[in-house]
């Protein structure tokens, strides 16, 4: 069973291939997903790496958490399931006032 890891505090210059190479030193990487801004395409500074076995994920956490990568100490821990977040804010609509409605 694969284990997904959260990798944070990434340099904006770090690429998916950099991450994959780094994590392959700890075992087999099933997937690597660098999160990017949907408008600019630039890195948002974090990624998710999926290791093929829990033991490999534990090894990656032990060896790579706080390790320097492109001048920044990595944050590596087991990813938590995504929580449902409410969509959007309150309703806009039109304010009151006016007072000129229904005039002939």
C-alpha atoms as a PDB file:
ATOM      1  CA  UNK A   1       0.000   0.000   0.000  1.00  0.00           C
ATOM      2  CA  UNK A   2       1.407   3.384  -1.030  1.00  0.00           C
ATOM      3  CA  UNK A   3       1.897   6.196   1.465  1.00  0.00           C
ATOM      4  CA  UNK A   4       1.526   9.840   0.484  1.00  0.00           C
ATOM      5  CA  UNK A   5       3.906  12.387   1.986  1.00  0.00           C
ATOM      6  CA  UNK A   6       3.562  16.150   2.275  1.00  0.00           C
ATOM      7  CA  UNK A   7       6.757  18.011   1.372  1.00  0.00           C
ATOM      8  CA  UNK A   8       6.822  21.673   2.368  1.00  0.00           C
ATOM      9  CA  UNK A   9       9.141  24.686   2.508  1.00  0.00           C
ATOM     10  CA  UNK A  10      10.335  24.035  -1.034  1.00  0.00           C
ATOM     11  CA  UNK A  11      12.353  26.554  -2.961  1.00  0.00           C
ATOM     12  CA  UNK A  12      10.423  27.972  -5.910  1.00  0.00           C
ATOM     13  CA  UNK A  13      13.285  26.670  -8.088  1.00  0.00           C
ATOM     14  CA  UNK A  14      12.807  23.011  -7.056  1.00  0.00           C
ATOM     15  CA  UNK A  15      11.317  20.836  -9.815  1.00  0.00           C
ATOM     16  CA  UNK A  16       9.339  17.584  -9.733  1.00  0.00           C
ATOM     17  CA  UNK A  17      12.347  15.735 -11.117  1.00  0.00           C
ATOM     18  CA  UNK A  18      14.545  17.172  -8.324  1.00  0.00           C
ATOM     19  CA  UNK A  19      12.078  15.876  -5.750  1.00  0.00           C
ATOM     20  CA  UNK A  20      11.718  12.479  -7.410  1.00  0.00           C
ATOM     21  CA  UNK A  21      15.521  12.037  -7.459  1.00  0.00           C
ATOM     22  CA  UNK A  22      15.792  13.071  -3.812  1.00  0.00           C
ATOM     23  CA  UNK A  23      13.051  10.710  -2.610  1.00  0.00           C
ATOM     24  CA  UNK A  24      14.210   7.761  -4.741  1.00  0.00           C
ATOM     25  CA  UNK A  25      17.226   7.541  -2.430  1.00  0.00           C
ATOM     26  CA  UNK A  26      14.747   6.265   0.193  1.00  0.00           C
ATOM     27  CA  UNK A  27      12.763   3.842  -1.995  1.00  0.00           C
ATOM     28  CA  UNK A  28      10.403   3.566  -4.919  1.00  0.00           C
ATOM     29  CA  UNK A  29       8.471   6.751  -5.749  1.00  0.00           C
ATOM     30  CA  UNK A  30       4.968   6.003  -7.078  1.00  0.00           C
ATOM     31  CA  UNK A  31       4.108   9.631  -7.888  1.00  0.00           C
ATOM     32  CA  UNK A  32       5.413  13.139  -7.390  1.00  0.00           C
ATOM     33  CA  UNK A  33       3.131  16.160  -7.662  1.00  0.00           C
ATOM     34  CA  UNK A  34       4.568  19.669  -7.272  1.00  0.00           C
ATOM     35  CA  UNK A  35       1.703  22.066  -6.542  1.00  0.00           C
ATOM     36  CA  UNK A  36       1.643  25.121  -8.788  1.00  0.00           C
ATOM     37  CA  UNK A  37      -0.419  28.298  -8.971  1.00  0.00           C
ATOM     38  CA  UNK A  38      -3.187  27.807 -11.528  1.00  0.00           C
ATOM     39  CA  UNK A  39      -2.790  31.314 -12.952  1.00  0.00           C
ATOM     40  CA  UNK A  40       1.000  31.772 -13.073  1.00  0.00           C
ATOM     41  CA  UNK A  41       2.151  28.137 -13.214  1.00  0.00           C
ATOM     42  CA  UNK A  42       4.810  28.886 -10.570  1.00  0.00           C
ATOM     43  CA  UNK A  43       5.472  26.562  -7.659  1.00  0.00           C
ATOM     44  CA  UNK A  44       3.487  27.206  -4.478  1.00  0.00           C
ATOM     45  CA  UNK A  45       6.327  25.828  -2.340  1.00  0.00           C
ATOM     46  CA  UNK A  46       4.934  22.394  -1.513  1.00  0.00           C
ATOM     47  CA  UNK A  47       4.407  18.989  -3.082  1.00  0.00           C
ATOM     48  CA  UNK A  48       3.056  15.502  -2.484  1.00  0.00           C
ATOM     49  CA  UNK A  49       5.268  12.467  -2.988  1.00  0.00           C
ATOM     50  CA  UNK A  50       3.831   8.958  -2.865  1.00  0.00           C
ATOM     51  CA  UNK A  51       6.137   6.146  -1.777  1.00  0.00           C
ATOM     52  CA  UNK A  52       5.298   2.556  -2.723  1.00  0.00           C
ATOM     53  CA  UNK A  53       5.551   1.141   0.834  1.00  0.00           C
ATOM     54  CA  UNK A  54       4.973   2.516   4.346  1.00  0.00           C
ATOM     55  CA  UNK A  55       8.502   1.519   5.417  1.00  0.00           C
ATOM     56  CA  UNK A  56       9.947   3.584   2.556  1.00  0.00           C
ATOM     57  CA  UNK A  57       7.786   6.555   3.568  1.00  0.00           C
ATOM     58  CA  UNK A  58       9.006   6.297   7.162  1.00  0.00           C
ATOM     59  CA  UNK A  59      12.602   6.164   5.920  1.00  0.00           C
ATOM     60  CA  UNK A  60      12.006   9.260   3.761  1.00  0.00           C
ATOM     61  CA  UNK A  61      10.555  11.173   6.720  1.00  0.00           C
ATOM     62  CA  UNK A  62      13.470  10.163   8.967  1.00  0.00           C
ATOM     63  CA  UNK A  63      16.161  11.017   6.403  1.00  0.00           C
ATOM     64  CA  UNK A  64      14.718  14.030   4.597  1.00  0.00           C
ATOM     65  CA  UNK A  65      12.779  16.040   7.216  1.00  0.00           C
ATOM     66  CA  UNK A  66      14.827  19.209   7.906  1.00  0.00           C
ATOM     67  CA  UNK A  67      17.351  18.276   5.178  1.00  0.00           C
ATOM     68  CA  UNK A  68      18.615  21.196   3.102  1.00  0.00           C
ATOM     69  CA  UNK A  69      17.208  21.284  -0.436  1.00  0.00           C
ATOM     70  CA  UNK A  70      18.046  24.281  -2.650  1.00  0.00           C
ATOM     71  CA  UNK A  71      18.980  26.301   0.430  1.00  0.00           C
ATOM     72  CA  UNK A  72      15.842  25.535   2.476  1.00  0.00           C
ATOM     73  CA  UNK A  73      15.157  22.937   5.198  1.00  0.00           C
ATOM     74  CA  UNK A  74      12.428  20.562   3.989  1.00  0.00           C
ATOM     75  CA  UNK A  75       9.310  19.722   5.931  1.00  0.00           C
ATOM     76  CA  UNK A  76       8.415  16.076   5.303  1.00  0.00           C
ATOM     77  CA  UNK A  77       5.554  14.267   6.999  1.00  0.00           C
ATOM     78  CA  UNK A  78       2.677  11.955   6.207  1.00  0.00           C
ATOM     79  CA  UNK A  79      -0.028  13.757   4.249  1.00  0.00           C
ATOM     80  CA  UNK A  80      -3.374  14.176   5.949  1.00  0.00           C
ATOM     81  CA  UNK A  81      -6.600  13.545   4.049  1.00  0.00           C
ATOM     82  CA  UNK A  82      -7.990  16.636   2.380  1.00  0.00           C
ATOM     83  CA  UNK A  83     -10.735  18.268   4.409  1.00  0.00           C
ATOM     84  CA  UNK A  84     -13.901  19.517   2.788  1.00  0.00           C
ATOM     85  CA  UNK A  85     -13.886  23.278   2.830  1.00  0.00           C
ATOM     86  CA  UNK A  86     -16.922  25.454   2.250  1.00  0.00           C
ATOM     87  CA  UNK A  87     -16.985  26.952  -1.229  1.00  0.00           C
ATOM     88  CA  UNK A  88     -17.107  30.702  -1.720  1.00  0.00           C
ATOM     89  CA  UNK A  89     -18.203  33.356   0.696  1.00  0.00           C
ATOM     90  CA  UNK A  90     -21.509  34.841   1.659  1.00  0.00           C
ATOM     91  CA  UNK A  91     -23.953  35.960  -0.977  1.00  0.00           C
ATOM     92  CA  UNK A  92     -23.448  39.354  -2.506  1.00  0.00           C
ATOM     93  CA  UNK A  93     -26.771  40.650  -3.694  1.00  0.00           C
ATOM     94  CA  UNK A  94     -27.926  44.186  -3.717  1.00  0.00           C
ATOM     95  CA  UNK A  95     -28.073  46.419  -0.701  1.00  0.00           C
ATOM     96  CA  UNK A  96     -31.174  48.145   0.496  1.00  0.00           C
ATOM     97  CA  UNK A  97     -31.826  51.837   0.190  1.00  0.00           C
ATOM     98  CA  UNK A  98     -32.945  53.412  -2.993  1.00  0.00           C
ATOM     99  CA  UNK A  99     -36.485  54.216  -1.944  1.00  0.00           C
ATOM    100  CA  UNK A 100     -37.369  55.077  -5.535  1.00  0.00           C
ATOM    101  CA  UNK A 101     -38.812  51.753  -6.459  1.00  0.00           C
ATOM    102  CA  UNK A 102     -42.425  51.536  -7.562  1.00  0.00           C
ATOM    103  CA  UNK A 103     -42.720  55.167  -8.457  1.00  0.00           C
ATOM    104  CA  UNK A 104     -44.815  56.016 -11.462  1.00  0.00           C
END
